[in-house]
């Protein structure tokens, strides 16, 4: 089973930037898509961004133009987050999807506050 490890979370002021990294224990090209999801306190987990094995990307409307998903080599996926807002505060999870199966990392906390 693939292991996904997120890093790069932290506390940032509104308008600031962070980059999250997801390191996979096997090639990300073994999966149909990689993605980032987030879960704010008291809310359901929601999709942030995905990238398919072919390189197509998809973003939640709330992050379009501010967040960018990318990959590096066969084992790394990034989420570049710019112009962060307090509403972006959440635990961010890396996801690997293969057909009907989903695999999750342990999550990285992002807090946006002045």
N, C-alpha and C. Protein backbone atom coordinates (compact mmCIF):
# COMPACT_ATOMS: atom_id res chain seq x y z
N UNK A 1 0.85 -1.19 0.00
CA UNK A 1 0.00 0.00 0.00
C UNK A 1 0.88 1.24 0.00
N UNK A 2 0.54 2.21 -0.84
CA UNK A 2 1.34 3.41 -0.95
C UNK A 2 1.30 4.21 0.35
N UNK A 3 2.42 4.80 0.70
CA UNK A 3 2.50 5.73 1.83
C UNK A 3 2.64 7.14 1.27
N UNK A 4 1.84 8.05 1.80
CA UNK A 4 1.87 9.45 1.38
C UNK A 4 2.23 10.30 2.59
N UNK A 5 3.24 11.14 2.45
CA UNK A 5 3.70 11.96 3.56
C UNK A 5 3.68 13.43 3.14
N UNK A 6 2.83 14.21 3.83
CA UNK A 6 2.74 15.64 3.54
C UNK A 6 3.73 16.42 4.41
N UNK A 7 4.17 17.55 3.89
CA UNK A 7 5.01 18.46 4.65
C UNK A 7 4.81 19.87 4.10
N UNK A 8 5.25 20.86 4.89
CA UNK A 8 5.21 22.24 4.43
C UNK A 8 4.10 23.09 5.01
N UNK A 9 3.29 22.51 5.89
CA UNK A 9 2.23 23.30 6.51
C UNK A 9 2.79 24.27 7.53
N UNK A 10 1.91 25.12 8.05
CA UNK A 10 2.35 26.07 9.06
C UNK A 10 1.39 27.22 9.21
N UNK A 11 1.85 28.24 9.91
CA UNK A 11 1.06 29.44 10.16
C UNK A 11 1.55 30.55 9.23
N UNK A 12 0.62 31.21 8.57
CA UNK A 12 0.99 32.29 7.65
C UNK A 12 -0.04 33.40 7.77
N UNK A 13 0.39 34.61 7.49
CA UNK A 13 -0.53 35.75 7.54
C UNK A 13 -1.38 35.80 6.27
N UNK A 14 -2.55 36.41 6.36
CA UNK A 14 -3.36 36.59 5.14
C UNK A 14 -2.56 37.28 4.04
N UNK A 15 -2.72 36.77 2.82
CA UNK A 15 -1.95 37.28 1.70
C UNK A 15 -0.63 36.58 1.49
N UNK A 16 -0.25 35.73 2.42
CA UNK A 16 1.02 35.02 2.33
C UNK A 16 0.95 33.78 1.47
N UNK A 17 2.06 33.06 1.42
CA UNK A 17 2.17 31.87 0.57
C UNK A 17 2.77 30.71 1.34
N UNK A 18 2.40 29.52 0.92
CA UNK A 18 2.97 28.28 1.42
C UNK A 18 3.04 27.28 0.28
N UNK A 19 3.97 26.35 0.39
CA UNK A 19 4.01 25.24 -0.54
C UNK A 19 3.96 23.93 0.23
N UNK A 20 2.95 23.13 -0.05
CA UNK A 20 2.84 21.80 0.53
C UNK A 20 3.48 20.78 -0.40
N UNK A 21 4.12 19.79 0.20
CA UNK A 21 4.72 18.69 -0.56
C UNK A 21 4.10 17.38 -0.13
N UNK A 22 3.98 16.48 -1.07
CA UNK A 22 3.51 15.13 -0.80
C UNK A 22 4.51 14.15 -1.39
N UNK A 23 5.14 13.38 -0.54
CA UNK A 23 6.11 12.38 -0.99
C UNK A 23 5.43 11.01 -0.97
N UNK A 24 5.44 10.34 -2.13
CA UNK A 24 4.81 9.02 -2.26
C UNK A 24 5.86 7.93 -2.21
N UNK A 25 5.51 6.79 -1.61
CA UNK A 25 6.46 5.69 -1.46
C UNK A 25 6.60 4.87 -2.74
N UNK A 26 5.73 5.13 -3.71
CA UNK A 26 5.86 4.50 -5.01
C UNK A 26 5.51 5.52 -6.08
N UNK A 27 5.74 5.16 -7.32
CA UNK A 27 5.53 6.11 -8.40
C UNK A 27 4.09 6.61 -8.45
N UNK A 28 3.96 7.93 -8.54
CA UNK A 28 2.63 8.53 -8.63
C UNK A 28 1.98 8.20 -9.97
N UNK A 29 2.76 7.75 -10.94
CA UNK A 29 2.21 7.39 -12.25
C UNK A 29 1.53 6.02 -12.23
N UNK A 30 1.59 5.36 -11.06
CA UNK A 30 0.83 4.12 -10.88
C UNK A 30 -0.64 4.40 -10.62
N UNK A 31 -0.98 5.67 -10.39
CA UNK A 31 -2.33 6.06 -9.99
C UNK A 31 -3.01 6.87 -11.09
N UNK A 32 -4.35 6.81 -11.09
CA UNK A 32 -5.11 7.58 -12.07
C UNK A 32 -4.94 9.08 -11.85
N UNK A 33 -4.87 9.47 -10.58
CA UNK A 33 -4.75 10.88 -10.26
C UNK A 33 -4.18 11.06 -8.86
N UNK A 34 -3.54 12.19 -8.67
CA UNK A 34 -3.10 12.62 -7.35
C UNK A 34 -3.86 13.90 -7.01
N UNK A 35 -4.07 14.13 -5.73
CA UNK A 35 -4.84 15.32 -5.40
C UNK A 35 -4.57 15.83 -4.01
N UNK A 36 -5.09 17.01 -3.78
CA UNK A 36 -5.06 17.63 -2.45
C UNK A 36 -6.50 17.90 -2.04
N UNK A 37 -6.80 17.55 -0.81
CA UNK A 37 -8.08 17.83 -0.20
C UNK A 37 -7.83 18.56 1.10
N UNK A 38 -8.86 19.19 1.63
CA UNK A 38 -8.71 19.85 2.92
C UNK A 38 -9.96 19.68 3.76
N UNK A 39 -9.75 19.76 5.05
CA UNK A 39 -10.87 19.65 5.99
C UNK A 39 -10.70 20.70 7.08
N UNK A 40 -11.60 21.65 7.08
CA UNK A 40 -11.62 22.66 8.13
C UNK A 40 -12.38 22.12 9.33
N UNK A 41 -12.11 22.70 10.47
CA UNK A 41 -12.74 22.25 11.71
C UNK A 41 -14.26 22.32 11.60
N UNK A 42 -14.92 21.22 11.87
CA UNK A 42 -16.38 21.18 11.83
C UNK A 42 -16.98 21.06 10.44
N UNK A 43 -16.14 20.89 9.44
CA UNK A 43 -16.63 20.81 8.06
C UNK A 43 -16.21 19.49 7.42
N UNK A 44 -16.85 19.18 6.30
CA UNK A 44 -16.50 17.97 5.57
C UNK A 44 -15.22 18.19 4.75
N UNK A 45 -14.54 17.09 4.47
CA UNK A 45 -13.37 17.15 3.62
C UNK A 45 -13.80 17.55 2.21
N UNK A 46 -13.02 18.45 1.60
CA UNK A 46 -13.37 18.91 0.27
C UNK A 46 -12.17 18.87 -0.66
N UNK A 47 -12.47 18.73 -1.94
CA UNK A 47 -11.42 18.71 -2.95
C UNK A 47 -10.82 20.09 -3.11
N UNK A 48 -9.50 20.14 -3.22
CA UNK A 48 -8.81 21.41 -3.49
C UNK A 48 -8.30 21.41 -4.93
N UNK A 49 -7.54 20.36 -5.29
CA UNK A 49 -6.96 20.31 -6.63
C UNK A 49 -6.56 18.87 -6.93
N UNK A 50 -6.63 18.52 -8.22
CA UNK A 50 -6.18 17.20 -8.66
C UNK A 50 -5.34 17.34 -9.92
N UNK A 51 -4.49 16.34 -10.13
CA UNK A 51 -3.73 16.24 -11.36
C UNK A 51 -3.76 14.79 -11.81
N UNK A 52 -4.16 14.57 -13.06
CA UNK A 52 -4.28 13.20 -13.56
C UNK A 52 -2.92 12.70 -14.05
N UNK A 53 -2.87 11.41 -14.32
CA UNK A 53 -1.62 10.83 -14.80
C UNK A 53 -1.21 11.48 -16.12
N UNK A 54 -2.18 11.98 -16.88
CA UNK A 54 -1.88 12.66 -18.13
C UNK A 54 -1.51 14.12 -17.98
N UNK A 55 -1.62 14.63 -16.75
CA UNK A 55 -1.23 16.00 -16.49
C UNK A 55 -2.36 17.01 -16.44
N UNK A 56 -3.59 16.57 -16.64
CA UNK A 56 -4.72 17.50 -16.55
C UNK A 56 -4.97 17.88 -15.10
N UNK A 57 -5.28 19.15 -14.88
CA UNK A 57 -5.51 19.64 -13.53
C UNK A 57 -6.94 20.13 -13.37
N UNK A 58 -7.37 20.10 -12.10
CA UNK A 58 -8.71 20.55 -11.76
C UNK A 58 -8.64 21.23 -10.41
N UNK A 59 -9.37 22.34 -10.24
CA UNK A 59 -9.32 23.10 -9.00
C UNK A 59 -10.72 23.42 -8.49
N UNK A 60 -10.84 23.50 -7.18
CA UNK A 60 -12.05 24.03 -6.59
C UNK A 60 -12.17 25.50 -6.96
N UNK A 61 -13.38 25.96 -7.14
CA UNK A 61 -13.58 27.36 -7.54
C UNK A 61 -12.95 28.32 -6.53
N UNK A 62 -12.98 27.94 -5.27
CA UNK A 62 -12.49 28.84 -4.22
C UNK A 62 -10.99 29.06 -4.26
N UNK A 63 -10.25 28.21 -4.98
CA UNK A 63 -8.79 28.35 -5.00
C UNK A 63 -8.25 28.66 -6.39
N UNK A 64 -9.11 28.67 -7.40
CA UNK A 64 -8.65 28.94 -8.77
C UNK A 64 -7.94 30.28 -8.83
N UNK A 65 -6.79 30.28 -9.49
CA UNK A 65 -6.02 31.50 -9.63
C UNK A 65 -5.09 31.79 -8.47
N UNK A 66 -5.25 31.02 -7.37
CA UNK A 66 -4.40 31.23 -6.19
C UNK A 66 -3.53 30.00 -5.90
N UNK A 67 -4.05 28.82 -6.16
CA UNK A 67 -3.34 27.57 -5.86
C UNK A 67 -2.92 26.89 -7.17
N UNK A 68 -1.79 26.20 -7.11
CA UNK A 68 -1.31 25.45 -8.26
C UNK A 68 -0.82 24.07 -7.81
N UNK A 69 -1.33 23.03 -8.45
CA UNK A 69 -0.86 21.67 -8.18
C UNK A 69 0.16 21.31 -9.26
N UNK A 70 1.23 20.66 -8.84
CA UNK A 70 2.25 20.24 -9.79
C UNK A 70 2.92 18.97 -9.28
N UNK A 71 3.77 18.40 -10.09
CA UNK A 71 4.48 17.21 -9.67
C UNK A 71 5.93 17.31 -10.11
N UNK A 72 6.78 16.56 -9.43
CA UNK A 72 8.21 16.56 -9.75
C UNK A 72 8.71 15.13 -9.70
N UNK A 73 9.25 14.67 -10.79
CA UNK A 73 9.72 13.30 -10.84
C UNK A 73 8.57 12.32 -10.68
N UNK A 74 8.89 11.17 -10.12
CA UNK A 74 7.90 10.11 -10.01
C UNK A 74 7.28 9.99 -8.62
N UNK A 75 7.75 10.83 -7.67
CA UNK A 75 7.30 10.60 -6.30
C UNK A 75 6.82 11.84 -5.55
N UNK A 76 6.82 13.01 -6.18
CA UNK A 76 6.49 14.23 -5.48
C UNK A 76 5.33 14.97 -6.13
N UNK A 77 4.43 15.44 -5.30
CA UNK A 77 3.33 16.30 -5.73
C UNK A 77 3.34 17.53 -4.83
N UNK A 78 3.14 18.69 -5.43
CA UNK A 78 3.16 19.94 -4.68
C UNK A 78 1.81 20.65 -4.78
N UNK A 79 1.58 21.49 -3.78
CA UNK A 79 0.47 22.43 -3.84
C UNK A 79 1.02 23.79 -3.45
N UNK A 80 1.17 24.65 -4.45
CA UNK A 80 1.62 26.01 -4.22
C UNK A 80 0.40 26.86 -3.91
N UNK A 81 0.42 27.52 -2.75
CA UNK A 81 -0.73 28.30 -2.31
C UNK A 81 -0.31 29.75 -2.13
N UNK A 82 -0.92 30.64 -2.90
CA UNK A 82 -0.62 32.06 -2.84
C UNK A 82 -1.85 32.85 -2.42
N UNK A 83 -1.60 34.08 -1.96
CA UNK A 83 -2.69 34.96 -1.54
C UNK A 83 -3.65 34.22 -0.60
N UNK A 84 -3.08 33.61 0.42
CA UNK A 84 -3.88 32.81 1.34
C UNK A 84 -4.85 33.67 2.13
N UNK A 85 -6.00 33.07 2.41
CA UNK A 85 -7.07 33.73 3.14
C UNK A 85 -7.37 32.95 4.41
N UNK A 86 -7.94 33.60 5.42
CA UNK A 86 -8.29 32.86 6.65
C UNK A 86 -9.18 31.65 6.36
N UNK A 87 -10.00 31.74 5.32
CA UNK A 87 -10.88 30.63 4.96
C UNK A 87 -10.13 29.41 4.43
N UNK A 88 -8.85 29.57 4.14
CA UNK A 88 -8.03 28.44 3.68
C UNK A 88 -7.50 27.61 4.86
N UNK A 89 -7.72 28.07 6.07
CA UNK A 89 -7.27 27.34 7.25
C UNK A 89 -7.93 25.97 7.30
N UNK A 90 -7.11 24.92 7.36
CA UNK A 90 -7.62 23.55 7.35
C UNK A 90 -6.45 22.58 7.48
N UNK A 91 -6.80 21.31 7.64
CA UNK A 91 -5.81 20.24 7.48
C UNK A 91 -5.85 19.82 6.02
N UNK A 92 -4.71 19.82 5.38
CA UNK A 92 -4.61 19.48 3.97
C UNK A 92 -4.08 18.05 3.83
N UNK A 93 -4.78 17.26 3.01
CA UNK A 93 -4.45 15.85 2.82
C UNK A 93 -4.05 15.57 1.38
N UNK A 94 -2.99 14.80 1.23
CA UNK A 94 -2.60 14.30 -0.08
C UNK A 94 -3.40 13.04 -0.37
N UNK A 95 -3.79 12.86 -1.61
CA UNK A 95 -4.61 11.71 -2.01
C UNK A 95 -4.06 11.09 -3.28
N UNK A 96 -4.08 9.77 -3.31
CA UNK A 96 -3.75 9.02 -4.52
C UNK A 96 -4.95 8.15 -4.87
N UNK A 97 -5.40 8.23 -6.10
CA UNK A 97 -6.59 7.49 -6.49
C UNK A 97 -6.27 6.49 -7.61
N UNK A 98 -6.71 5.25 -7.40
CA UNK A 98 -6.56 4.21 -8.40
C UNK A 98 -7.90 3.50 -8.54
N UNK A 99 -8.57 3.76 -9.66
CA UNK A 99 -9.91 3.23 -9.88
C UNK A 99 -10.81 3.68 -8.72
N UNK A 100 -11.35 2.74 -7.97
CA UNK A 100 -12.26 3.10 -6.88
C UNK A 100 -11.55 3.23 -5.54
N UNK A 101 -10.25 3.02 -5.51
CA UNK A 101 -9.52 3.07 -4.25
C UNK A 101 -8.84 4.42 -4.05
N UNK A 102 -8.89 4.91 -2.83
CA UNK A 102 -8.22 6.15 -2.46
C UNK A 102 -7.27 5.89 -1.32
N UNK A 103 -6.13 6.53 -1.37
CA UNK A 103 -5.13 6.44 -0.33
C UNK A 103 -4.84 7.85 0.18
N UNK A 104 -4.63 7.95 1.50
CA UNK A 104 -4.51 9.27 2.12
C UNK A 104 -3.23 9.39 2.93
N UNK A 105 -2.71 10.59 2.97
CA UNK A 105 -1.64 10.91 3.89
C UNK A 105 -2.21 11.27 5.25
N UNK A 106 -1.32 11.63 6.16
CA UNK A 106 -1.75 11.92 7.53
C UNK A 106 -2.24 13.35 7.70
N UNK A 107 -1.97 14.19 6.73
CA UNK A 107 -2.45 15.57 6.77
C UNK A 107 -1.40 16.56 7.24
N UNK A 108 -1.53 17.79 6.77
CA UNK A 108 -0.65 18.89 7.17
C UNK A 108 -1.52 20.09 7.53
N UNK A 109 -1.28 20.67 8.69
CA UNK A 109 -2.10 21.80 9.14
C UNK A 109 -1.63 23.09 8.48
N UNK A 110 -2.59 23.82 7.96
CA UNK A 110 -2.34 25.16 7.42
C UNK A 110 -3.24 26.12 8.18
N UNK A 111 -2.65 27.14 8.76
CA UNK A 111 -3.41 28.15 9.49
C UNK A 111 -3.08 29.52 8.92
N UNK A 112 -4.12 30.26 8.57
CA UNK A 112 -3.95 31.59 7.99
C UNK A 112 -4.57 32.59 8.96
N UNK A 113 -3.72 33.39 9.59
CA UNK A 113 -4.20 34.30 10.62
C UNK A 113 -3.21 35.43 10.82
N UNK A 114 -3.76 36.59 11.19
CA UNK A 114 -2.89 37.72 11.49
C UNK A 114 -2.62 37.79 12.99
